[in-house]
Amino acid sequence: NLKLSKAQKIYFLKKKEVERIINFFKENNGGVTKTRLAEALNMHYNTLKNNINKLEKLSLIKKIKKSNSILYSLNSRKYDDLILNIN
């Protein structure tokens, strides 16, 4: 689990790329691969991967292995808890 201060978490979650990723997950409930997510957001794969990895370390992203793919989705409960604790 990634240990960040409250200010660091706020800064990270306010990044444009991170907001776009989270908003995509909020609007699309099913899991999605990193490649599909990068395509849908028109975001460079490495940028997406770095942000997904940080979100995962904060437990804000769920990772589900499905056959040969890894699907990612928002951990809504953890996200809501974090937002409540930040405010």
C-alpha atoms as a PDB file:
ATOM      1  CA  ASN A   1       0.000   0.000   0.000  1.00  0.00           C
ATOM      2  CA  LEU A   2       1.382   3.397  -1.022  1.00  0.00           C
ATOM      3  CA  LYS A   3       1.968   5.764   1.905  1.00  0.00           C
ATOM      4  CA  LEU A   4       1.258   9.355   0.890  1.00  0.00           C
ATOM      5  CA  SER A   5       0.357  12.396   2.923  1.00  0.00           C
ATOM      6  CA  LYS A   6      -3.096  13.891   2.561  1.00  0.00           C
ATOM      7  CA  ALA A   7      -1.633  16.717   0.439  1.00  0.00           C
ATOM      8  CA  GLN A   8       0.165  14.233  -1.842  1.00  0.00           C
ATOM      9  CA  LYS A   9      -3.040  12.231  -2.350  1.00  0.00           C
ATOM     10  CA  ILE A  10      -4.981  15.403  -3.207  1.00  0.00           C
ATOM     11  CA  TYR A  11      -2.257  16.508  -5.637  1.00  0.00           C
ATOM     12  CA  PHE A  12      -2.181  13.085  -7.309  1.00  0.00           C
ATOM     13  CA  LEU A  13      -5.977  12.813  -7.622  1.00  0.00           C
ATOM     14  CA  LYS A  14      -6.176  16.338  -9.105  1.00  0.00           C
ATOM     15  CA  LYS A  15      -3.811  15.492 -11.953  1.00  0.00           C
ATOM     16  CA  LYS A  16      -5.656  15.822 -15.270  1.00  0.00           C
ATOM     17  CA  GLU A  17      -4.712  12.314 -16.407  1.00  0.00           C
ATOM     18  CA  VAL A  18      -5.793  10.745 -13.114  1.00  0.00           C
ATOM     19  CA  GLU A  19      -9.118  12.599 -13.177  1.00  0.00           C
ATOM     20  CA  ARG A  20      -9.737  11.338 -16.727  1.00  0.00           C
ATOM     21  CA  ILE A  21      -8.972   7.736 -15.701  1.00  0.00           C
ATOM     22  CA  ILE A  22     -11.244   7.888 -12.647  1.00  0.00           C
ATOM     23  CA  ASN A  23     -14.049   9.545 -14.617  1.00  0.00           C
ATOM     24  CA  PHE A  24     -13.798   6.823 -17.279  1.00  0.00           C
ATOM     25  CA  PHE A  25     -14.147   4.141 -14.607  1.00  0.00           C
ATOM     26  CA  LYS A  26     -17.118   5.955 -13.036  1.00  0.00           C
ATOM     27  CA  GLU A  27     -18.909   6.085 -16.403  1.00  0.00           C
ATOM     28  CA  ASN A  28     -17.973   2.516 -17.453  1.00  0.00           C
ATOM     29  CA  ASN A  29     -18.655  -0.063 -14.755  1.00  0.00           C
ATOM     30  CA  GLY A  30     -17.123  -3.076 -16.470  1.00  0.00           C
ATOM     31  CA  GLY A  31     -13.425  -3.854 -16.305  1.00  0.00           C
ATOM     32  CA  VAL A  32     -11.088  -2.697 -19.063  1.00  0.00           C
ATOM     33  CA  THR A  33      -7.520  -3.521 -20.071  1.00  0.00           C
ATOM     34  CA  LYS A  34      -4.783  -0.882 -19.894  1.00  0.00           C
ATOM     35  CA  THR A  35      -4.482  -0.943 -23.691  1.00  0.00           C
ATOM     36  CA  ARG A  36      -8.215  -0.328 -24.230  1.00  0.00           C
ATOM     37  CA  LEU A  37      -8.230   2.364 -21.559  1.00  0.00           C
ATOM     38  CA  ALA A  38      -5.257   4.131 -23.168  1.00  0.00           C
ATOM     39  CA  GLU A  39      -7.049   4.008 -26.538  1.00  0.00           C
ATOM     40  CA  ALA A  40     -10.374   5.216 -25.108  1.00  0.00           C
ATOM     41  CA  LEU A  41      -8.708   8.148 -23.343  1.00  0.00           C
ATOM     42  CA  ASN A  42      -6.269   8.841 -26.193  1.00  0.00           C
ATOM     43  CA  MET A  43      -3.487   8.686 -23.598  1.00  0.00           C
ATOM     44  CA  HIS A  44       0.039   7.362 -24.075  1.00  0.00           C
ATOM     45  CA  TYR A  45       0.234   3.816 -22.703  1.00  0.00           C
ATOM     46  CA  ASN A  46       3.191   4.558 -20.386  1.00  0.00           C
ATOM     47  CA  THR A  47       1.442   7.594 -18.881  1.00  0.00           C
ATOM     48  CA  LEU A  48      -1.652   5.503 -18.268  1.00  0.00           C
ATOM     49  CA  LYS A  49       0.360   2.591 -16.854  1.00  0.00           C
ATOM     50  CA  ASN A  50       2.193   4.812 -14.347  1.00  0.00           C
ATOM     51  CA  ASN A  51      -1.037   6.374 -13.105  1.00  0.00           C
ATOM     52  CA  ILE A  52      -2.876   3.030 -12.954  1.00  0.00           C
ATOM     53  CA  ASN A  53      -0.007   1.563 -10.914  1.00  0.00           C
ATOM     54  CA  LYS A  54      -0.210   4.436  -8.398  1.00  0.00           C
ATOM     55  CA  LEU A  55      -3.996   4.160  -8.207  1.00  0.00           C
ATOM     56  CA  GLU A  56      -3.612   0.430  -7.609  1.00  0.00           C
ATOM     57  CA  LYS A  57      -1.087   1.031  -4.805  1.00  0.00           C
ATOM     58  CA  LEU A  58      -3.626   3.376  -3.210  1.00  0.00           C
ATOM     59  CA  SER A  59      -6.177   0.509  -3.493  1.00  0.00           C
ATOM     60  CA  LEU A  60      -8.379   2.704  -5.705  1.00  0.00           C
ATOM     61  CA  ILE A  61      -8.220   0.302  -8.643  1.00  0.00           C
ATOM     62  CA  LYS A  62      -9.339  -3.318  -8.695  1.00  0.00           C
ATOM     63  CA  LYS A  63      -7.420  -5.746 -10.887  1.00  0.00           C
ATOM     64  CA  ILE A  64      -9.232  -8.833 -12.167  1.00  0.00           C
ATOM     65  CA  LYS A  65      -7.569 -11.589 -14.180  1.00  0.00           C
ATOM     66  CA  LYS A  66      -9.925 -12.865 -16.874  1.00  0.00           C
ATOM     67  CA  SER A  67      -8.529 -15.604 -19.143  1.00  0.00           C
ATOM     68  CA  ASN A  68      -5.427 -14.026 -20.737  1.00  0.00           C
ATOM     69  CA  SER A  69      -6.303 -10.432 -19.846  1.00  0.00           C
ATOM     70  CA  ILE A  70      -6.095  -8.260 -16.760  1.00  0.00           C
ATOM     71  CA  LEU A  71      -9.086  -5.984 -16.345  1.00  0.00           C
ATOM     72  CA  TYR A  72      -9.062  -2.836 -14.232  1.00  0.00           C
ATOM     73  CA  SER A  73     -11.971  -1.042 -12.616  1.00  0.00           C
ATOM     74  CA  LEU A  74     -12.533   1.568  -9.933  1.00  0.00           C
ATOM     75  CA  ASN A  75     -12.720   0.343  -6.354  1.00  0.00           C
ATOM     76  CA  SER A  76     -15.668   2.652  -5.659  1.00  0.00           C
ATOM     77  CA  ARG A  77     -15.812   1.943  -1.934  1.00  0.00           C
ATOM     78  CA  LYS A  78     -12.129   2.786  -1.399  1.00  0.00           C
ATOM     79  CA  TYR A  79     -12.389   5.832  -3.668  1.00  0.00           C
ATOM     80  CA  ASP A  80     -15.437   7.172  -1.801  1.00  0.00           C
ATOM     81  CA  ASP A  81     -13.733   6.538   1.570  1.00  0.00           C
ATOM     82  CA  LEU A  82     -10.611   8.385   0.428  1.00  0.00           C
ATOM     83  CA  ILE A  83     -12.605  11.358  -0.874  1.00  0.00           C
ATOM     84  CA  LEU A  84     -14.546  11.552   2.406  1.00  0.00           C
ATOM     85  CA  ASN A  85     -11.306  11.456   4.418  1.00  0.00           C
ATOM     86  CA  ILE A  86      -9.711  14.153   2.260  1.00  0.00           C
ATOM     87  CA  ASN A  87     -12.660  16.537   2.660  1.00  0.00           C
END
